[in-house]
C-alpha cells in the first residue's frame, strides 16, 4: 500500500526525535557520575524515545488500515513499567545506603552538620 507523503514524513520525524532522546539518555548513562543521576537520564529518555517510535508505528499502522492495538498496549506497558522500575531501583539503592555525589542543599547541611559528606 502507498502511504500519503505527510504520514511518511511525520513518522520519520517521530523516529528521529525518538532516536535523539534515546541518544541523550545513553550519553547521560555513560557520563553522569553516580547511580542516582545515571538512573534519571535513561528512564526519562527511554520513555520518550520508545514512545516516539511506538507513536510512529501507530501512525503507519493506522494509515494501512490496521487498528494498532498492539502499539497501544506496548506504549501503555512502557509508560507504566519504566517509572515503576526506576522507583524500585532507587528504593533499593536507598535501602543499601548508596551515597550520592550530589552536593547537599544548604538548609540540610545546617540542620544536620554531622551528616556532611
C-alpha atoms as a PDB file:
ATOM      1  CA  UNK A   1       0.000   0.000   0.000  1.00  0.00           C
ATOM      2  CA  UNK A   2       1.106   3.514  -0.686  1.00  0.00           C
ATOM      3  CA  UNK A   3       1.006   5.864   2.246  1.00  0.00           C
ATOM      4  CA  UNK A   4       0.479   9.593   1.935  1.00  0.00           C
ATOM      5  CA  UNK A   5       3.731  11.510   1.916  1.00  0.00           C
ATOM      6  CA  UNK A   6       2.836  13.532   5.018  1.00  0.00           C
ATOM      7  CA  UNK A   7       2.443  10.324   7.047  1.00  0.00           C
ATOM      8  CA  UNK A   8       5.857   9.115   5.904  1.00  0.00           C
ATOM      9  CA  UNK A   9       7.464  12.440   6.836  1.00  0.00           C
ATOM     10  CA  UNK A  10       5.690  12.631  10.181  1.00  0.00           C
ATOM     11  CA  UNK A  11       6.608   9.079  11.116  1.00  0.00           C
ATOM     12  CA  UNK A  12      10.224   9.685  10.035  1.00  0.00           C
ATOM     13  CA  UNK A  13      10.336  12.836  12.170  1.00  0.00           C
ATOM     14  CA  UNK A  14       8.940  10.916  15.158  1.00  0.00           C
ATOM     15  CA  UNK A  15      11.571   8.198  14.749  1.00  0.00           C
ATOM     16  CA  UNK A  16      14.347  10.812  14.518  1.00  0.00           C
ATOM     17  CA  UNK A  17      13.033  12.606  17.604  1.00  0.00           C
ATOM     18  CA  UNK A  18      12.873   9.291  19.452  1.00  0.00           C
ATOM     19  CA  UNK A  19      16.423   8.469  18.385  1.00  0.00           C
ATOM     20  CA  UNK A  20      17.584  11.825  19.723  1.00  0.00           C
ATOM     21  CA  UNK A  21      16.001  11.176  23.124  1.00  0.00           C
ATOM     22  CA  UNK A  22      17.476   7.675  23.259  1.00  0.00           C
ATOM     23  CA  UNK A  23      20.927   9.042  22.376  1.00  0.00           C
ATOM     24  CA  UNK A  24      20.691  11.683  25.096  1.00  0.00           C
ATOM     25  CA  UNK A  25      19.678   9.005  27.597  1.00  0.00           C
ATOM     26  CA  UNK A  26      22.582   6.783  26.591  1.00  0.00           C
ATOM     27  CA  UNK A  27      25.052   9.661  26.883  1.00  0.00           C
ATOM     28  CA  UNK A  28      23.612  10.517  30.291  1.00  0.00           C
ATOM     29  CA  UNK A  29      24.019   6.914  31.409  1.00  0.00           C
ATOM     30  CA  UNK A  30      27.693   6.954  30.466  1.00  0.00           C
ATOM     31  CA  UNK A  31      28.637  10.485  31.527  1.00  0.00           C
ATOM     32  CA  UNK A  32      26.810  11.086  34.803  1.00  0.00           C
ATOM     33  CA  UNK A  33      28.850  10.359  37.933  1.00  0.00           C
ATOM     34  CA  UNK A  34      26.703   8.335  40.338  1.00  0.00           C
ATOM     35  CA  UNK A  35      23.864   5.824  40.435  1.00  0.00           C
ATOM     36  CA  UNK A  36      21.020   8.219  41.152  1.00  0.00           C
ATOM     37  CA  UNK A  37      21.990  10.599  38.353  1.00  0.00           C
ATOM     38  CA  UNK A  38      22.533   7.686  35.985  1.00  0.00           C
ATOM     39  CA  UNK A  39      19.104   6.342  36.840  1.00  0.00           C
ATOM     40  CA  UNK A  40      17.344   9.573  35.934  1.00  0.00           C
ATOM     41  CA  UNK A  41      18.642  10.134  32.391  1.00  0.00           C
ATOM     42  CA  UNK A  42      17.828   6.787  30.745  1.00  0.00           C
ATOM     43  CA  UNK A  43      14.420   6.324  32.343  1.00  0.00           C
ATOM     44  CA  UNK A  44      13.082   9.659  31.156  1.00  0.00           C
ATOM     45  CA  UNK A  45      14.747   9.482  27.769  1.00  0.00           C
ATOM     46  CA  UNK A  46      13.798   5.883  27.091  1.00  0.00           C
ATOM     47  CA  UNK A  47      10.170   6.594  27.884  1.00  0.00           C
ATOM     48  CA  UNK A  48      10.129   9.479  25.408  1.00  0.00           C
ATOM     49  CA  UNK A  49      12.209   7.579  22.849  1.00  0.00           C
ATOM     50  CA  UNK A  50      10.181   4.392  22.870  1.00  0.00           C
ATOM     51  CA  UNK A  51       7.001   6.449  22.955  1.00  0.00           C
ATOM     52  CA  UNK A  52       8.063   8.285  19.799  1.00  0.00           C
ATOM     53  CA  UNK A  53       8.865   5.050  17.958  1.00  0.00           C
ATOM     54  CA  UNK A  54       5.576   3.496  19.003  1.00  0.00           C
ATOM     55  CA  UNK A  55       3.662   6.622  18.024  1.00  0.00           C
ATOM     56  CA  UNK A  56       5.269   6.474  14.567  1.00  0.00           C
ATOM     57  CA  UNK A  57       4.387   2.782  14.335  1.00  0.00           C
ATOM     58  CA  UNK A  58       0.814   3.546  15.368  1.00  0.00           C
ATOM     59  CA  UNK A  59       0.588   6.222  12.697  1.00  0.00           C
ATOM     60  CA  UNK A  60       1.881   3.873   9.990  1.00  0.00           C
ATOM     61  CA  UNK A  61      -0.423   1.032  11.041  1.00  0.00           C
ATOM     62  CA  UNK A  62      -3.419   3.377  11.064  1.00  0.00           C
ATOM     63  CA  UNK A  63      -2.571   4.536   7.554  1.00  0.00           C
ATOM     64  CA  UNK A  64      -2.553   0.903   6.411  1.00  0.00           C
ATOM     65  CA  UNK A  65      -5.976   0.244   7.869  1.00  0.00           C
ATOM     66  CA  UNK A  66      -4.927  -1.724  10.963  1.00  0.00           C
ATOM     67  CA  UNK A  67      -6.249  -0.628  14.351  1.00  0.00           C
ATOM     68  CA  UNK A  68      -2.824  -0.588  16.090  1.00  0.00           C
ATOM     69  CA  UNK A  69      -3.952  -2.283  19.303  1.00  0.00           C
ATOM     70  CA  UNK A  70      -0.516  -3.885  19.811  1.00  0.00           C
ATOM     71  CA  UNK A  71       1.195  -0.492  19.613  1.00  0.00           C
ATOM     72  CA  UNK A  72      -1.207   0.987  22.147  1.00  0.00           C
ATOM     73  CA  UNK A  73      -0.616  -1.897  24.565  1.00  0.00           C
ATOM     74  CA  UNK A  74       3.168  -1.655  24.196  1.00  0.00           C
ATOM     75  CA  UNK A  75       3.003   2.083  24.840  1.00  0.00           C
ATOM     76  CA  UNK A  76       0.882   1.531  27.929  1.00  0.00           C
ATOM     77  CA  UNK A  77       3.253  -1.104  29.307  1.00  0.00           C
ATOM     78  CA  UNK A  78       6.366   1.023  28.658  1.00  0.00           C
ATOM     79  CA  UNK A  79       4.843   4.114  30.237  1.00  0.00           C
ATOM     80  CA  UNK A  80       3.816   2.120  33.317  1.00  0.00           C
ATOM     81  CA  UNK A  81       6.836  -0.138  33.815  1.00  0.00           C
ATOM     82  CA  UNK A  82       9.707   2.320  33.203  1.00  0.00           C
ATOM     83  CA  UNK A  83       8.874   4.719  36.067  1.00  0.00           C
ATOM     84  CA  UNK A  84       7.942   1.860  38.405  1.00  0.00           C
ATOM     85  CA  UNK A  85      11.209   0.009  37.778  1.00  0.00           C
ATOM     86  CA  UNK A  86      13.212   3.230  38.222  1.00  0.00           C
ATOM     87  CA  UNK A  87      11.430   3.863  41.519  1.00  0.00           C
ATOM     88  CA  UNK A  88      12.169   0.328  42.722  1.00  0.00           C
ATOM     89  CA  UNK A  89      15.850   0.627  41.815  1.00  0.00           C
ATOM     90  CA  UNK A  90      16.082   3.969  43.627  1.00  0.00           C
ATOM     91  CA  UNK A  91      14.415   2.500  46.716  1.00  0.00           C
ATOM     92  CA  UNK A  92      16.821  -0.451  46.662  1.00  0.00           C
ATOM     93  CA  UNK A  93      19.773   1.936  46.421  1.00  0.00           C
ATOM     94  CA  UNK A  94      18.426   3.968  49.329  1.00  0.00           C
ATOM     95  CA  UNK A  95      17.936   0.785  51.337  1.00  0.00           C
ATOM     96  CA  UNK A  96      21.538  -0.230  50.618  1.00  0.00           C
ATOM     97  CA  UNK A  97      22.638   3.310  51.565  1.00  0.00           C
ATOM     98  CA  UNK A  98      24.301   4.042  48.258  1.00  0.00           C
ATOM     99  CA  UNK A  99      25.812   7.501  48.553  1.00  0.00           C
ATOM    100  CA  UNK A 100      25.175  10.208  46.019  1.00  0.00           C
ATOM    101  CA  UNK A 101      27.920  12.529  44.835  1.00  0.00           C
ATOM    102  CA  UNK A 102      25.493  15.431  44.586  1.00  0.00           C
ATOM    103  CA  UNK A 103      26.039  18.302  46.972  1.00  0.00           C
ATOM    104  CA  UNK A 104      23.623  18.569  49.862  1.00  0.00           C
ATOM    105  CA  UNK A 105      21.318  21.598  49.946  1.00  0.00           C
ATOM    106  CA  UNK A 106      22.493  24.305  52.366  1.00  0.00           C
ATOM    107  CA  UNK A 107      19.362  24.009  54.531  1.00  0.00           C
ATOM    108  CA  UNK A 108      20.025  20.303  55.072  1.00  0.00           C
ATOM    109  CA  UNK A 109      23.685  20.883  55.917  1.00  0.00           C
ATOM    110  CA  UNK A 110      22.711  23.492  58.514  1.00  0.00           C
ATOM    111  CA  UNK A 111      20.200  21.120  60.133  1.00  0.00           C
ATOM    112  CA  UNK A 112      22.486  18.089  60.393  1.00  0.00           C
ATOM    113  CA  UNK A 113      26.180  19.030  60.258  1.00  0.00           C
ATOM    114  CA  UNK A 114      27.217  15.520  61.401  1.00  0.00           C
ATOM    115  CA  UNK A 115      25.999  14.049  58.073  1.00  0.00           C
ATOM    116  CA  UNK A 116      28.356  16.081  55.883  1.00  0.00           C
ATOM    117  CA  UNK A 117      29.984  14.041  53.141  1.00  0.00           C
END
